[in-house]
PDB file of N, CA and C in Angstrom:
ATOM      1  N   MET A   1      77.762  31.179 105.772  1.00  0.00           N
ATOM      2  CA  MET A   1      77.021  31.246 104.436  1.00  0.00           C
ATOM      3  C   MET A   1      78.911  32.119 103.859  1.00  0.00           C
ATOM      4  N   SER A   2      78.621  31.801 102.472  1.00  0.00           N
ATOM      5  CA  SER A   2      80.054  32.086 102.071  1.00  0.00           C
ATOM      6  C   SER A   2      80.024  33.320 101.024  1.00  0.00           C
ATOM      7  N   ASN A   3      78.549  33.823 100.611  1.00  0.00           N
ATOM      8  CA  ASN A   3      78.384  35.175  99.884  1.00  0.00           C
ATOM      9  C   ASN A   3      79.396  36.501 100.102  1.00  0.00           C
ATOM     10  N   PRO A   4      80.250  37.029  99.746  1.00  0.00           N
ATOM     11  CA  PRO A   4      80.969  38.209 100.661  1.00  0.00           C
ATOM     12  C   PRO A   4      80.066  39.412 100.735  1.00  0.00           C
ATOM     13  N   GLN A   5      78.848  39.551  99.761  1.00  0.00           N
ATOM     14  CA  GLN A   5      77.607  40.466  99.615  1.00  0.00           C
ATOM     15  C   GLN A   5      76.696  40.334 100.925  1.00  0.00           C
ATOM     16  N   TYR A   6      76.723  39.091 101.674  1.00  0.00           N
ATOM     17  CA  TYR A   6      75.947  38.913 103.124  1.00  0.00           C
ATOM     18  C   TYR A   6      76.506  39.436 103.775  1.00  0.00           C
ATOM     19  N   TYR A   7      78.178  39.211 104.053  1.00  0.00           N
ATOM     20  CA  TYR A   7      78.830  40.207 104.651  1.00  0.00           C
ATOM     21  C   TYR A   7      79.098  41.876 104.947  1.00  0.00           C
ATOM     22  N   LEU A   8      79.012  42.245 103.835  1.00  0.00           N
ATOM     23  CA  LEU A   8      79.176  43.285 103.301  1.00  0.00           C
ATOM     24  C   LEU A   8      77.507  44.283 103.611  1.00  0.00           C
ATOM     25  N   VAL A   9      76.554  43.738 103.690  1.00  0.00           N
ATOM     26  CA  VAL A   9      75.345  44.320 104.021  1.00  0.00           C
ATOM     27  C   VAL A   9      75.380  43.980 105.103  1.00  0.00           C
ATOM     28  N   LEU A  10      75.566  42.947 106.424  1.00  0.00           N
ATOM     29  CA  LEU A  10      76.119  42.605 107.753  1.00  0.00           C
ATOM     30  C   LEU A  10      76.194  43.986 108.359  1.00  0.00           C
ATOM     31  N   ALA A  11      78.277  44.099 107.502  1.00  0.00           N
ATOM     32  CA  ALA A  11      78.673  44.992 108.255  1.00  0.00           C
ATOM     33  C   ALA A  11      78.388  46.490 108.202  1.00  0.00           C
ATOM     34  N   ARG A  12      77.511  46.860 107.363  1.00  0.00           N
ATOM     35  CA  ARG A  12      77.190  48.385 107.092  1.00  0.00           C
ATOM     36  C   ARG A  12      75.614  48.041 107.902  1.00  0.00           C
ATOM     37  N   ALA A  13      74.804  47.177 108.474  1.00  0.00           N
ATOM     38  CA  ALA A  13      73.894  47.090 108.856  1.00  0.00           C
ATOM     39  C   ALA A  13      74.513  47.604 110.599  1.00  0.00           C
ATOM     40  N   GLU A  14      75.573  46.952 110.589  1.00  0.00           N
ATOM     41  CA  GLU A  14      75.899  46.693 112.389  1.00  0.00           C
ATOM     42  C   GLU A  14      77.043  48.496 112.263  1.00  0.00           C
ATOM     43  N   ARG A  15      77.433  48.590 111.176  1.00  0.00           N
ATOM     44  CA  ARG A  15      77.583  50.170 110.993  1.00  0.00           C
ATOM     45  C   ARG A  15      76.402  51.308 111.535  1.00  0.00           C
ATOM     46  N   ALA A  16      75.774  50.897 110.762  1.00  0.00           N
ATOM     47  CA  ALA A  16      74.109  51.793 111.067  1.00  0.00           C
ATOM     48  C   ALA A  16      74.161  51.668 112.924  1.00  0.00           C
ATOM     49  N   ALA A  17      73.934  50.920 112.740  1.00  0.00           N
ATOM     50  CA  ALA A  17      73.526  50.248 113.890  1.00  0.00           C
ATOM     51  C   ALA A  17      73.826  51.508 115.538  1.00  0.00           C
ATOM     52  N   ALA A  18      74.884  50.931 115.096  1.00  0.00           N
ATOM     53  CA  ALA A  18      75.980  51.929 116.157  1.00  0.00           C
ATOM     54  C   ALA A  18      75.744  53.315 115.597  1.00  0.00           C
ATOM     55  N   GLU A  19      75.760  53.473 114.816  1.00  0.00           N
ATOM     56  CA  GLU A  19      75.815  55.377 114.547  1.00  0.00           C
ATOM     57  C   GLU A  19      74.517  55.694 114.823  1.00  0.00           C
ATOM     58  N   ALA A  20      73.739  54.675 114.715  1.00  0.00           N
ATOM     59  CA  ALA A  20      72.123  55.357 115.609  1.00  0.00           C
ATOM     60  C   ALA A  20      71.635  55.064 116.845  1.00  0.00           C
ATOM     61  N   LYS A  21      72.949  54.338 117.659  1.00  0.00           N
ATOM     62  CA  LYS A  21      72.917  53.864 118.330  1.00  0.00           C
ATOM     63  C   LYS A  21      73.640  55.051 119.700  1.00  0.00           C
ATOM     64  N   ALA A  22      74.782  55.652 118.781  1.00  0.00           N
ATOM     65  CA  ALA A  22      75.388  56.738 119.445  1.00  0.00           C
ATOM     66  C   ALA A  22      74.593  57.917 119.149  1.00  0.00           C
ATOM     67  N   ARG A  23      73.989  58.073 118.260  1.00  0.00           N
ATOM     68  CA  ARG A  23      73.162  59.535 118.302  1.00  0.00           C
ATOM     69  C   ARG A  23      72.164  59.832 119.431  1.00  0.00           C
ATOM     70  N   VAL A  24      71.807  58.194 119.731  1.00  0.00           N
ATOM     71  CA  VAL A  24      70.206  58.094 120.821  1.00  0.00           C
ATOM     72  C   VAL A  24      71.306  58.903 121.941  1.00  0.00           C
ATOM     73  N   PHE A  25      72.462  58.436 122.245  1.00  0.00           N
ATOM     74  CA  PHE A  25      73.023  58.235 123.627  1.00  0.00           C
ATOM     75  C   PHE A  25      73.327  60.389 123.675  1.00  0.00           C
ATOM     76  N   GLU A  26      74.162  60.615 122.544  1.00  0.00           N
ATOM     77  CA  GLU A  26      74.570  62.521 122.281  1.00  0.00           C
ATOM     78  C   GLU A  26      73.001  62.923 122.648  1.00  0.00           C
ATOM     79  N   GLU A  27      72.218  62.650 122.309  1.00  0.00           N
ATOM     80  CA  GLU A  27      70.515  63.286 122.263  1.00  0.00           C
ATOM     81  C   GLU A  27      70.911  63.114 124.001  1.00  0.00           C
ATOM     82  N   ALA A  28      70.360  61.890 124.335  1.00  0.00           N
ATOM     83  CA  ALA A  28      70.074  61.987 126.571  1.00  0.00           C
ATOM     84  C   ALA A  28      71.158  62.734 126.451  1.00  0.00           C
ATOM     85  N   ALA A  29      72.159  62.956 126.211  1.00  0.00           N
ATOM     86  CA  ALA A  29      73.595  63.344 127.097  1.00  0.00           C
ATOM     87  C   ALA A  29      73.212  64.729 126.880  1.00  0.00           C
ATOM     88  N   ALA A  30      73.109  65.495 125.365  1.00  0.00           N
ATOM     89  CA  ALA A  30      72.540  66.852 125.833  1.00  0.00           C
ATOM     90  C   ALA A  30      71.203  67.374 126.737  1.00  0.00           C
ATOM     91  N   GLN A  31      70.855  66.201 126.901  1.00  0.00           N
ATOM     92  CA  GLN A  31      69.081  66.673 127.104  1.00  0.00           C
ATOM     93  C   GLN A  31      69.298  66.549 129.098  1.00  0.00           C
ATOM     94  N   GLU A  32      70.563  65.760 129.338  1.00  0.00           N
ATOM     95  CA  GLU A  32      71.063  65.535 130.598  1.00  0.00           C
ATOM     96  C   GLU A  32      71.743  67.136 131.089  1.00  0.00           C
ATOM     97  N   ARG A  33      72.846  67.377 130.157  1.00  0.00           N
ATOM     98  CA  ARG A  33      73.585  68.498 130.359  1.00  0.00           C
ATOM     99  C   ARG A  33      72.630  69.584 130.844  1.00  0.00           C
ATOM    100  N   ALA A  34      71.411  69.731 129.659  1.00  0.00           N
ATOM    101  CA  ALA A  34      70.354  70.987 129.981  1.00  0.00           C
ATOM    102  C   ALA A  34      69.967  70.893 130.913  1.00  0.00           C
ATOM    103  N   GLN A  35      69.529  70.196 131.512  1.00  0.00           N
ATOM    104  CA  GLN A  35      68.377  69.639 133.135  1.00  0.00           C
ATOM    105  C   GLN A  35      69.520  70.666 133.930  1.00  0.00           C
ATOM    106  N   LEU A  36      70.638  69.752 133.810  1.00  0.00           N
ATOM    107  CA  LEU A  36      71.912  70.358 134.693  1.00  0.00           C
ATOM    108  C   LEU A  36      72.299  71.544 135.120  1.00  0.00           C
ATOM    109  N   GLN A  37      72.209  72.429 133.509  1.00  0.00           N
ATOM    110  CA  GLN A  37      73.251  73.758 134.086  1.00  0.00           C
ATOM    111  C   GLN A  37      72.396  74.224 134.453  1.00  0.00           C
ATOM    112  N   ASP A  38      71.432  74.374 135.224  1.00  0.00           N
ATOM    113  CA  ASP A  38      70.600  75.294 136.160  1.00  0.00           C
ATOM    114  C   ASP A  38      71.269  74.697 137.805  1.00  0.00           C
ATOM    115  N   HIS A  39      71.950  73.939 137.852  1.00  0.00           N
ATOM    116  CA  HIS A  39      72.344  73.164 139.147  1.00  0.00           C
ATOM    117  C   HIS A  39      73.709  73.603 139.985  1.00  0.00           C
ATOM    118  N   VAL A  40      74.143  73.754 140.744  1.00  0.00           N
ATOM    119  CA  VAL A  40      75.124  74.327 141.089  1.00  0.00           C
ATOM    120  C   VAL A  40      76.221  73.071 141.938  1.00  0.00           C
ATOM    121  N   ASP A  41      77.409  72.888 141.680  1.00  0.00           N
ATOM    122  CA  ASP A  41      77.700  72.139 142.418  1.00  0.00           C
ATOM    123  C   ASP A  41      79.041  72.345 143.492  1.00  0.00           C
ATOM    124  N   GLN A  42      79.457  71.679 144.190  1.00  0.00           N
ATOM    125  CA  GLN A  42      80.483  72.337 145.447  1.00  0.00           C
ATOM    126  C   GLN A  42      81.270  72.690 145.532  1.00  0.00           C
ATOM    127  N   THR A  43      81.655  73.000 144.272  1.00  0.00           N
ATOM    128  CA  THR A  43      83.182  73.791 143.760  1.00  0.00           C
ATOM    129  C   THR A  43      82.565  75.263 143.876  1.00  0.00           C
ATOM    130  N   THR A  44      81.694  75.731 143.340  1.00  0.00           N
ATOM    131  CA  THR A  44      81.370  76.972 143.534  1.00  0.00           C
ATOM    132  C   THR A  44      80.386  77.416 144.212  1.00  0.00           C
ATOM    133  N   SER A  45      79.648  76.405 144.967  1.00  0.00           N
ATOM    134  CA  SER A  45      78.472  76.808 145.949  1.00  0.00           C
ATOM    135  C   SER A  45      79.215  77.491 147.398  1.00  0.00           C
ATOM    136  N   PRO A  46      78.407  78.679 147.288  1.00  0.00           N
ATOM    137  CA  PRO A  46      78.480  80.027 148.826  1.00  0.00           C
ATOM    138  C   PRO A  46      78.062  78.774 149.882  1.00  0.00           C
ATOM    139  N   LEU A  47      77.183  78.023 150.232  1.00  0.00           N
ATOM    140  CA  LEU A  47      77.692  77.045 151.330  1.00  0.00           C
ATOM    141  C   LEU A  47      78.734  76.802 151.512  1.00  0.00           C
ATOM    142  N   GLY A  48      80.160  76.320 150.553  1.00  0.00           N
ATOM    143  CA  GLY A  48      80.997  75.839 151.164  1.00  0.00           C
ATOM    144  C   GLY A  48      81.253  73.983 150.653  1.00  0.00           C
ATOM    145  N   GLN A  49      82.082  73.322 150.560  1.00  0.00           N
ATOM    146  CA  GLN A  49      81.861  72.413 150.296  1.00  0.00           C
ATOM    147  C   GLN A  49      81.592  70.722 150.671  1.00  0.00           C
ATOM    148  N   ARG A  50      81.740  71.272 152.259  1.00  0.00           N
ATOM    149  CA  ARG A  50      80.925  70.114 153.279  1.00  0.00           C
ATOM    150  C   ARG A  50      79.693  70.721 153.537  1.00  0.00           C
ATOM    151  N   ARG A  51      79.340  71.144 153.653  1.00  0.00           N
ATOM    152  CA  ARG A  51      77.769  71.741 153.918  1.00  0.00           C
ATOM    153  C   ARG A  51      77.064  71.590 152.641  1.00  0.00           C
ATOM    154  N   HIS A  52      77.556  71.840 151.055  1.00  0.00           N
ATOM    155  CA  HIS A  52      76.668  71.519 149.930  1.00  0.00           C
ATOM    156  C   HIS A  52      76.391  70.488 149.746  1.00  0.00           C
ATOM    157  N   CYS A  53      78.160  69.473 150.306  1.00  0.00           N
ATOM    158  CA  CYS A  53      77.988  67.928 150.105  1.00  0.00           C
ATOM    159  C   CYS A  53      77.132  66.917 150.641  1.00  0.00           C
ATOM    160  N   ALA A  54      76.936  67.933 151.841  1.00  0.00           N
ATOM    161  CA  ALA A  54      76.174  67.454 152.948  1.00  0.00           C
ATOM    162  C   ALA A  54      74.465  67.397 152.539  1.00  0.00           C
ATOM    163  N   ALA A  55      74.381  68.665 152.229  1.00  0.00           N
ATOM    164  CA  ALA A  55      72.856  69.233 152.108  1.00  0.00           C
ATOM    165  C   ALA A  55      72.479  67.895 150.842  1.00  0.00           C
ATOM    166  N   VAL A  56      73.068  68.196 150.125  1.00  0.00           N
ATOM    167  CA  VAL A  56      72.652  66.795 148.426  1.00  0.00           C
ATOM    168  C   VAL A  56      72.454  65.589 149.492  1.00  0.00           C
ATOM    169  N   LYS A  57      73.511  65.212 149.675  1.00  0.00           N
ATOM    170  CA  LYS A  57      73.338  63.838 150.812  1.00  0.00           C
ATOM    171  C   LYS A  57      72.093  63.716 151.792  1.00  0.00           C
ATOM    172  N   ARG A  58      71.537  64.648 151.979  1.00  0.00           N
ATOM    173  CA  ARG A  58      70.231  64.706 153.020  1.00  0.00           C
ATOM    174  C   ARG A  58      69.296  64.201 151.904  1.00  0.00           C
ATOM    175  N   ARG A  59      69.296  65.423 150.767  1.00  0.00           N
ATOM    176  CA  ARG A  59      67.899  65.614 149.964  1.00  0.00           C
ATOM    177  C   ARG A  59      68.065  64.271 149.123  1.00  0.00           C
ATOM    178  N   ILE A  60      69.072  63.532 148.606  1.00  0.00           N
ATOM    179  CA  ILE A  60      68.921  62.223 147.785  1.00  0.00           C
ATOM    180  C   ILE A  60      68.344  60.960 148.906  1.00  0.00           C
ATOM    181  N   ALA A  61      69.143  60.992 150.178  1.00  0.00           N
ATOM    182  CA  ALA A  61      67.985  60.491 151.340  1.00  0.00           C
ATOM    183  C   ALA A  61      66.594  60.413 151.387  1.00  0.00           C
ATOM    184  N   ALA A  62      66.184  61.849 151.680  1.00  0.00           N
ATOM    185  CA  ALA A  62      65.117  61.744 151.902  1.00  0.00           C
ATOM    186  C   ALA A  62      64.004  62.077 150.300  1.00  0.00           C
ATOM    187  N   GLY A  63      64.821  61.394 149.163  1.00  0.00           N
ATOM    188  CA  GLY A  63      63.747  61.457 147.939  1.00  0.00           C
ATOM    189  C   GLY A  63      63.951  62.586 147.151  1.00  0.00           C
ATOM    190  N   ASP A  64      64.263  63.992 147.816  1.00  0.00           N
ATOM    191  CA  ASP A  64      63.957  65.253 146.702  1.00  0.00           C
ATOM    192  C   ASP A  64      64.837  64.915 145.560  1.00  0.00           C
ATOM    193  N   GLU A  65      64.329  65.722 144.550  1.00  0.00           N
ATOM    194  CA  GLU A  65      64.883  64.868 143.054  1.00  0.00           C
ATOM    195  C   GLU A  65      65.738  66.440 142.852  1.00  0.00           C
ATOM    196  N   VAL A  66      66.046  67.551 143.581  1.00  0.00           N
ATOM    197  CA  VAL A  66      66.464  68.723 143.226  1.00  0.00           C
ATOM    198  C   VAL A  66      67.873  68.286 143.586  1.00  0.00           C
ATOM    199  N   ALA A  67      68.552  66.926 144.060  1.00  0.00           N
ATOM    200  CA  ALA A  67      69.509  67.099 144.343  1.00  0.00           C
ATOM    201  C   ALA A  67      70.324  65.931 143.320  1.00  0.00           C
ATOM    202  N   ALA A  68      71.313  65.660 143.338  1.00  0.00           N
ATOM    203  CA  ALA A  68      72.479  64.723 142.192  1.00  0.00           C
ATOM    204  C   ALA A  68      73.749  64.945 142.479  1.00  0.00           C
ATOM    205  N   ILE A  69      74.509  63.150 142.640  1.00  0.00           N
ATOM    206  CA  ILE A  69      75.276  63.449 142.272  1.00  0.00           C
ATOM    207  C   ILE A  69      75.602  62.654 141.159  1.00  0.00           C
ATOM    208  N   VAL A  70      76.698  63.390 140.208  1.00  0.00           N
ATOM    209  CA  VAL A  70      77.005  62.772 138.936  1.00  0.00           C
ATOM    210  C   VAL A  70      78.450  62.411 139.065  1.00  0.00           C
ATOM    211  N   GLY A  71      79.524  61.367 139.361  1.00  0.00           N
ATOM    212  CA  GLY A  71      80.564  61.276 139.495  1.00  0.00           C
ATOM    213  C   GLY A  71      80.866  61.723 140.576  1.00  0.00           C
ATOM    214  N   ARG A  72      81.787  62.868 140.948  1.00  0.00           N
ATOM    215  CA  ARG A  72      82.082  63.696 142.254  1.00  0.00           C
ATOM    216  C   ARG A  72      81.596  64.922 142.565  1.00  0.00           C
ATOM    217  N   ARG A  73      80.980  65.366 141.368  1.00  0.00           N
ATOM    218  CA  ARG A  73      79.895  66.362 141.302  1.00  0.00           C
ATOM    219  C   ARG A  73      79.021  65.943 142.129  1.00  0.00           C
ATOM    220  N   HIS A  74      78.342  67.137 143.212  1.00  0.00           N
ATOM    221  CA  HIS A  74      77.562  66.937 144.206  1.00  0.00           C
ATOM    222  C   HIS A  74      76.497  68.218 143.528  1.00  0.00           C
ATOM    223  N   LEU A  75      75.532  67.990 143.060  1.00  0.00           N
ATOM    224  CA  LEU A  75      74.722  68.970 142.561  1.00  0.00           C
ATOM    225  C   LEU A  75      73.492  69.507 142.910  1.00  0.00           C
ATOM    226  N   LEU A  76      73.255  70.904 143.406  1.00  0.00           N
ATOM    227  CA  LEU A  76      71.878  71.168 143.827  1.00  0.00           C
ATOM    228  C   LEU A  76      71.108  72.171 143.370  1.00  0.00           C
ATOM    229  N   SER A  77      69.948  72.220 143.178  1.00  0.00           N
ATOM    230  CA  SER A  77      69.504  73.345 142.033  1.00  0.00           C
ATOM    231  C   SER A  77      69.544  74.819 142.870  1.00  0.00           C
ATOM    232  N   GLN A  78      68.966  75.856 141.683  1.00  0.00           N
ATOM    233  CA  GLN A  78      69.125  77.045 142.451  1.00  0.00           C
ATOM    234  C   GLN A  78      68.386  77.338 143.762  1.00  0.00           C
ATOM    235  N   GLN A  79      67.283  76.979 143.094  1.00  0.00           N
ATOM    236  CA  GLN A  79      66.321  76.685 144.592  1.00  0.00           C
ATOM    237  C   GLN A  79      66.929  76.032 145.337  1.00  0.00           C
ATOM    238  N   ALA A  80      66.323  74.874 145.904  1.00  0.00           N
ATOM    239  CA  ALA A  80      67.463  74.094 147.111  1.00  0.00           C
ATOM    240  C   ALA A  80      68.783  74.798 147.527  1.00  0.00           C
ATOM    241  N   LEU A  81      69.347  75.540 146.470  1.00  0.00           N
ATOM    242  CA  LEU A  81      70.695  76.407 146.883  1.00  0.00           C
ATOM    243  C   LEU A  81      69.991  77.449 147.618  1.00  0.00           C
ATOM    244  N   ALA A  82      68.947  77.948 147.416  1.00  0.00           N
ATOM    245  CA  ALA A  82      68.599  79.406 147.685  1.00  0.00           C
ATOM    246  C   ALA A  82      67.934  78.826 149.732  1.00  0.00           C
ATOM    247  N   ASN A  83      67.466  77.441 149.318  1.00  0.00           N
ATOM    248  CA  ASN A  83      66.521  77.330 150.782  1.00  0.00           C
ATOM    249  C   ASN A  83      67.790  77.258 151.872  1.00  0.00           C
ATOM    250  N   GLU A  84      68.492  76.163 151.397  1.00  0.00           N
ATOM    251  CA  GLU A  84      69.388  75.993 151.960  1.00  0.00           C
ATOM    252  C   GLU A  84      70.255  77.068 152.861  1.00  0.00           C
ATOM    253  N   LEU A  85      70.188  78.020 152.068  1.00  0.00           N
ATOM    254  CA  LEU A  85      70.840  79.495 152.726  1.00  0.00           C
ATOM    255  C   LEU A  85      70.177  80.201 153.503  1.00  0.00           C
ATOM    256  N   ALA A  86      68.951  80.093 153.547  1.00  0.00           N
ATOM    257  CA  ALA A  86      67.986  80.597 154.234  1.00  0.00           C
ATOM    258  C   ALA A  86      67.562  79.730 155.150  1.00  0.00           C
ATOM    259  N   ALA A  87      67.911  78.267 155.093  1.00  0.00           N
ATOM    260  CA  ALA A  87      67.382  77.489 156.438  1.00  0.00           C
ATOM    261  C   ALA A  87      69.189  78.085 157.297  1.00  0.00           C
ATOM    262  N   LEU A  88      70.414  77.883 157.019  1.00  0.00           N
ATOM    263  CA  LEU A  88      71.056  78.586 157.164  1.00  0.00           C
ATOM    264  C   LEU A  88      71.361  79.796 158.176  1.00  0.00           C
ATOM    265  N   SER A  89      70.913  80.639 157.605  1.00  0.00           N
ATOM    266  CA  SER A  89      71.300  82.277 158.113  1.00  0.00           C
ATOM    267  C   SER A  89      69.681  82.051 158.911  1.00  0.00           C
ATOM    268  N   ALA A  90      68.554  81.454 158.961  1.00  0.00           N
ATOM    269  CA  ALA A  90      67.672  81.671 159.874  1.00  0.00           C
ATOM    270  C   ALA A  90      68.057  81.005 161.128  1.00  0.00           C
ATOM    271  N   LYS A  91      68.986  79.738 161.376  1.00  0.00           N
ATOM    272  CA  LYS A  91      69.697  79.355 163.121  1.00  0.00           C
ATOM    273  C   LYS A  91      69.757  80.514 163.794  1.00  0.00           C
ATOM    274  N   PRO A  92      69.537  80.657 164.647  1.00  0.00           N
ATOM    275  CA  PRO A  92      69.811  81.523 165.861  1.00  0.00           C
ATOM    276  C   PRO A  92      71.020  80.613 166.427  1.00  0.00           C
ATOM    277  N   ARG A  93      71.983  81.815 166.647  1.00  0.00           N
ATOM    278  CA  ARG A  93      73.358  81.272 166.648  1.00  0.00           C
ATOM    279  C   ARG A  93      73.795  81.386 168.667  1.00  0.00           C
ATOM    280  N   LYS A  94      74.225  80.399 168.928  1.00  0.00           N
ATOM    281  CA  LYS A  94      74.495  80.434 170.052  1.00  0.00           C
ATOM    282  C   LYS A  94      75.012  81.642 170.716  1.00  0.00           C
ATOM    283  N   ALA A  95      74.576  82.449 171.837  1.00  0.00           N
ATOM    284  CA  ALA A  95      75.814  83.654 172.875  1.00  0.00           C
ATOM    285  C   ALA A  95      76.629  82.862 173.522  1.00  0.00           C
ATOM    286  N   GLN A  96      77.840  83.210 173.366  1.00  0.00           N
ATOM    287  CA  GLN A  96      78.905  82.279 173.806  1.00  0.00           C
ATOM    288  C   GLN A  96      78.713  82.459 175.663  1.00  0.00           C
ATOM    289  N   ALA A  97      78.168  81.409 176.240  1.00  0.00           N
ATOM    290  CA  ALA A  97      78.546  82.145 178.301  1.00  0.00           C
ATOM    291  C   ALA A  97      80.068  82.917 178.259  1.00  0.00           C
ATOM    292  N   ALA A  98      79.403  83.907 179.342  1.00  0.00           N
ATOM    293  CA  ALA A  98      80.881  84.085 180.247  1.00  0.00           C
ATOM    294  C   ALA A  98      81.245  83.290 180.738  1.00  0.00           C
ATOM    295  N   PRO A  99      82.652  82.823 180.837  1.00  0.00           N
ATOM    296  CA  PRO A  99      83.108  82.170 182.319  1.00  0.00           C
ATOM    297  C   PRO A  99      82.973  82.594 183.422  1.00  0.00           C
ATOM    298  N   THR A 100      82.839  81.638 184.437  1.00  0.00           N
ATOM    299  CA  THR A 100      82.194  82.149 185.922  1.00  0.00           C
ATOM    300  C   THR A 100      83.865  81.511 186.497  1.00  0.00           C
ATOM    301  N   VAL A 101      84.385  81.003 186.096  1.00  0.00           N
ATOM    302  CA  VAL A 101      85.687  80.926 186.958  1.00  0.00           C
ATOM    303  C   VAL A 101      87.093  81.197 186.120  1.00  0.00           C
ATOM    304  N   GLY A 102      88.123  81.569 187.552  1.00  0.00           N
ATOM    305  CA  GLY A 102      89.527  82.031 186.663  1.00  0.00           C
ATOM    306  C   GLY A 102      89.862  83.065 185.764  1.00  0.00           C
ATOM    307  N   PRO A 103      90.653  83.616 185.248  1.00  0.00           N
ATOM    308  CA  PRO A 103      91.538  84.663 184.732  1.00  0.00           C
ATOM    309  C   PRO A 103      90.395  85.622 184.126  1.00  0.00           C
ATOM    310  N   ASP A 104      89.694  84.579 183.289  1.00  0.00           N
ATOM    311  CA  ASP A 104      88.761  85.212 182.540  1.00  0.00           C
ATOM    312  C   ASP A 104      87.356  85.252 182.458  1.00  0.00           C
ATOM    313  N   ALA A 105      87.127  85.369 183.603  1.00  0.00           N
ATOM    314  CA  ALA A 105      85.328  85.245 184.205  1.00  0.00           C
ATOM    315  C   ALA A 105      85.631  86.961 184.843  1.00  0.00           C
ATOM    316  N   LEU A 106      87.051  87.702 185.364  1.00  0.00           N
ATOM    317  CA  LEU A 106      87.446  88.625 185.479  1.00  0.00           C
ATOM    318  C   LEU A 106      87.153  89.299 184.344  1.00  0.00           C
ATOM    319  N   ARG A 107      88.181  89.167 183.242  1.00  0.00           N
ATOM    320  CA  ARG A 107      88.056  89.910 182.408  1.00  0.00           C
ATOM    321  C   ARG A 107      86.665  90.092 181.204  1.00  0.00           C
ATOM    322  N   ALA A 108      85.720  89.043 181.513  1.00  0.00           N
ATOM    323  CA  ALA A 108      84.860  89.437 180.764  1.00  0.00           C
ATOM    324  C   ALA A 108      83.690  89.912 182.118  1.00  0.00           C
ATOM    325  N   LYS A 109      83.745  89.906 183.275  1.00  0.00           N
ATOM    326  CA  LYS A 109      83.272  91.323 184.345  1.00  0.00           C
ATOM    327  C   LYS A 109      82.919  92.483 183.990  1.00  0.00           C
ATOM    328  N   LEU A 110      84.586  92.351 183.677  1.00  0.00           N
ATOM    329  CA  LEU A 110      85.190  93.917 183.173  1.00  0.00           C
ATOM    330  C   LEU A 110      84.813  94.677 182.329  1.00  0.00           C
ATOM    331  N   GLY A 111      84.533  93.496 180.785  1.00  0.00           N
ATOM    332  CA  GLY A 111      84.083  93.591 179.136  1.00  0.00           C
ATOM    333  C   GLY A 111      85.633  93.699 178.993  1.00  0.00           C
ATOM    334  N   LEU A 112      86.349  92.869 179.111  1.00  0.00           N
ATOM    335  CA  LEU A 112      87.259  93.153 178.339  1.00  0.00           C
ATOM    336  C   LEU A 112      87.591  92.021 177.111  1.00  0.00           C
ATOM    337  N   VAL A 113      86.536  90.842 177.329  1.00  0.00           N
ATOM    338  CA  VAL A 113      85.969  89.367 176.183  1.00  0.00           C
ATOM    339  C   VAL A 113      84.863  89.796 175.896  1.00  0.00           C
ATOM    340  N   ALA A 114      84.874  89.083 175.150  1.00  0.00           N
ATOM    341  CA  ALA A 114      83.069  88.705 174.981  1.00  0.00           C
ATOM    342  C   ALA A 114      82.416  88.280 175.671  1.00  0.00           C
ATOM    343  N   GLY A 115      81.212  88.771 176.196  1.00  0.00           N
ATOM    344  CA  GLY A 115      80.063  87.821 177.123  1.00  0.00           C
ATOM    345  C   GLY A 115      80.660  88.745 178.507  1.00  0.00           C
ATOM    346  N   GLY A 116      80.856  89.599 178.205  1.00  0.00           N
ATOM    347  CA  GLY A 116      81.033  90.699 179.513  1.00  0.00           C
ATOM    348  C   GLY A 116      79.401  91.056 180.039  1.00  0.00           C
ATOM    349  N   ARG A 117      80.197  92.818 180.008  1.00  0.00           N
ATOM    350  CA  ARG A 117      78.795  93.475 180.761  1.00  0.00           C
ATOM    351  C   ARG A 117      77.801  93.543 179.477  1.00  0.00           C
ATOM    352  N   SER A 118      76.836  93.719 179.466  1.00  0.00           N
ATOM    353  CA  SER A 118      75.832  94.287 178.644  1.00  0.00           C
ATOM    354  C   SER A 118      75.657  95.931 178.567  1.00  0.00           C
TER     355      SER A 118
END
């Protein structure tokens, strides 16, 4: 078609479609940001970066929807973070066994190092 008005109308329609598509993507991005605002990433996590990232990967592998990886950010919901902290603090810590041989054994027996007399 050699009608210039046809190409003008076509260009306007393409521009309108592109603007509509951009609006849809902006709305979707805004909704996604709103959902992720209550999530904590590894840089601000009280778990520390390694534990936080491990928790996110473990929860994603289990199919849990409270964790996500967006780019380089590992995100956990506030509730999931609280559960991780509770699980971490609930684990009993192993008492260090007192040495039975060598100079540290005598120090432990005399109570000069941890693991000595009670």
